[in-house]
Amino acid sequence: MKLSLWALSLAAILLVIASSAADAQDGLVHAMHESMAQMHAAMDRVSSTGDPDHDFALMMIPHHQGAIDMAKVELLYGKDPVMRRLAQEIIADQQSEIDAMRLQLSKTSGQARKKN
């Protein structure tokens, strides 16, 4: 009787672990797809200005934000220390590049207004 109760307890624990792993995988897939959908929607909302430099930055900002969002998903679900470190680096690097592009856009937008 003790062995059967122990076996049932072990089976229940394994079922919970398997269910948790499946839930985590579902959460990961959903979060990655959601971050990509948001990135693509933001990129689709960008209207071309005719200035290649300006348009490049306008498109790259949501693209970089998508990378940040996906890296945050890795930090939420990932276990591999190398991948987690890469995700942290992506967040820092991509945010820095977004900031640089926004700064340049603000400078060039100001210059365009001065010419008019």
Protein backbone atom coordinates (compact mmCIF):
# COMPACT_ATOMS: atom_id res chain seq x y z
CA MET A 1 0.00 0.00 0.00
CA LYS A 2 2.80 2.43 0.86
CA LEU A 3 4.51 1.81 -2.47
CA SER A 4 1.30 2.47 -4.41
CA LEU A 5 0.66 5.73 -2.56
CA TRP A 6 4.26 6.77 -3.19
CA ALA A 7 3.96 5.86 -6.89
CA LEU A 8 0.71 7.84 -7.18
CA SER A 9 2.30 10.83 -5.48
CA LEU A 10 5.29 10.68 -7.81
CA ALA A 11 3.01 10.38 -10.84
CA ALA A 12 1.02 13.41 -9.68
CA ILE A 13 4.19 15.45 -9.19
CA LEU A 14 5.48 14.49 -12.64
CA LEU A 15 2.14 15.41 -14.18
CA VAL A 16 2.26 18.85 -12.54
CA ILE A 17 5.83 19.37 -13.74
CA ALA A 18 4.93 18.32 -17.29
CA SER A 19 1.85 20.54 -17.24
CA SER A 20 3.90 23.49 -15.97
CA ALA A 21 6.49 22.96 -18.70
CA ALA A 22 3.75 22.88 -21.35
CA ASP A 23 2.19 26.05 -19.90
CA ALA A 24 5.58 27.77 -19.94
CA GLN A 25 6.15 26.73 -23.56
CA ASP A 26 2.68 28.01 -24.50
CA GLY A 27 3.43 31.27 -22.67
CA LEU A 28 6.78 31.60 -24.43
CA VAL A 29 5.30 31.02 -27.88
CA HIS A 30 2.43 33.41 -27.23
CA ALA A 31 4.72 36.13 -25.86
CA MET A 32 7.16 35.83 -28.79
CA HIS A 33 4.36 35.97 -31.35
CA GLU A 34 2.77 38.93 -29.57
CA SER A 35 6.04 40.87 -29.52
CA MET A 36 6.58 40.20 -33.23
CA ALA A 37 3.00 41.19 -34.07
CA GLN A 38 3.41 44.46 -32.17
CA MET A 39 6.72 45.13 -33.93
CA HIS A 40 5.25 44.51 -37.38
CA ALA A 41 2.19 46.63 -36.62
CA ALA A 42 4.39 49.52 -35.46
CA MET A 43 6.55 49.22 -38.56
CA ASP A 44 3.45 49.16 -40.79
CA ARG A 45 2.26 52.43 -39.19
CA VAL A 46 5.41 54.27 -40.32
CA SER A 47 4.74 56.62 -43.20
CA SER A 48 7.56 57.26 -45.62
CA THR A 49 8.89 60.80 -45.63
CA GLY A 50 10.98 60.39 -48.77
CA ASP A 51 14.17 60.95 -46.77
CA PRO A 52 16.01 57.60 -46.70
CA ASP A 53 17.92 58.40 -43.50
CA HIS A 54 14.80 59.55 -41.67
CA ASP A 55 12.73 56.61 -42.94
CA PHE A 56 15.46 54.15 -41.98
CA ALA A 57 15.43 55.38 -38.38
CA LEU A 58 11.62 55.44 -38.25
CA MET A 59 11.51 51.78 -39.31
CA MET A 60 14.43 50.63 -37.19
CA ILE A 61 13.06 52.01 -33.93
CA PRO A 62 10.09 49.59 -33.78
CA HIS A 63 12.33 46.83 -35.15
CA HIS A 64 14.79 47.35 -32.28
CA GLN A 65 11.92 47.62 -29.80
CA GLY A 66 10.73 44.22 -31.04
CA ALA A 67 14.17 42.79 -30.31
CA ILE A 68 14.02 44.26 -26.82
CA ASP A 69 10.56 42.80 -26.22
CA MET A 70 11.69 39.35 -27.42
CA ALA A 71 14.80 39.55 -25.23
CA LYS A 72 12.55 40.29 -22.25
CA VAL A 73 10.59 37.13 -23.07
CA GLU A 74 13.88 35.19 -23.01
CA LEU A 75 14.63 36.62 -19.57
CA LEU A 76 11.17 35.62 -18.39
CA TYR A 77 11.25 32.04 -19.69
CA GLY A 78 14.85 31.19 -20.57
CA LYS A 79 17.15 29.16 -18.37
CA ASP A 80 20.42 29.04 -20.34
CA PRO A 81 22.83 31.54 -18.77
CA VAL A 82 24.51 32.31 -22.11
CA MET A 83 21.19 33.07 -23.82
CA ARG A 84 20.01 35.12 -20.83
CA ARG A 85 23.23 37.16 -20.97
CA LEU A 86 22.75 37.71 -24.71
CA ALA A 87 19.20 38.87 -24.02
CA GLN A 88 20.49 41.36 -21.46
CA GLU A 89 23.04 42.66 -23.95
CA ILE A 90 20.38 42.95 -26.66
CA ILE A 91 18.20 45.03 -24.35
CA ALA A 92 21.05 47.40 -23.50
CA ASP A 93 22.44 47.67 -27.03
CA GLN A 94 19.11 48.03 -28.82
CA GLN A 95 17.86 50.64 -26.33
CA SER A 96 21.05 52.63 -26.83
CA GLU A 97 20.57 52.52 -30.59
CA ILE A 98 16.91 53.55 -30.27
CA ASP A 99 17.99 56.51 -28.14
CA ALA A 100 20.65 57.49 -30.72
CA MET A 101 18.15 57.28 -33.59
CA ARG A 102 15.56 59.32 -31.71
CA LEU A 103 18.17 61.95 -30.92
CA GLN A 104 19.25 62.13 -34.57
CA LEU A 105 15.61 62.31 -35.70
CA SER A 106 14.99 65.21 -33.33
CA LYS A 107 18.06 67.01 -34.69
CA THR A 108 17.20 66.46 -38.35
CA SER A 109 13.52 67.32 -37.79
CA GLY A 110 14.64 70.61 -36.27
CA GLN A 111 16.93 71.28 -39.22
CA ALA A 112 14.11 70.59 -41.69
CA ARG A 113 11.89 73.10 -39.87
CA LYS A 114 14.64 75.75 -39.96
CA LYS A 115 14.99 75.37 -43.75
CA ASN A 116 11.27 75.99 -44.31
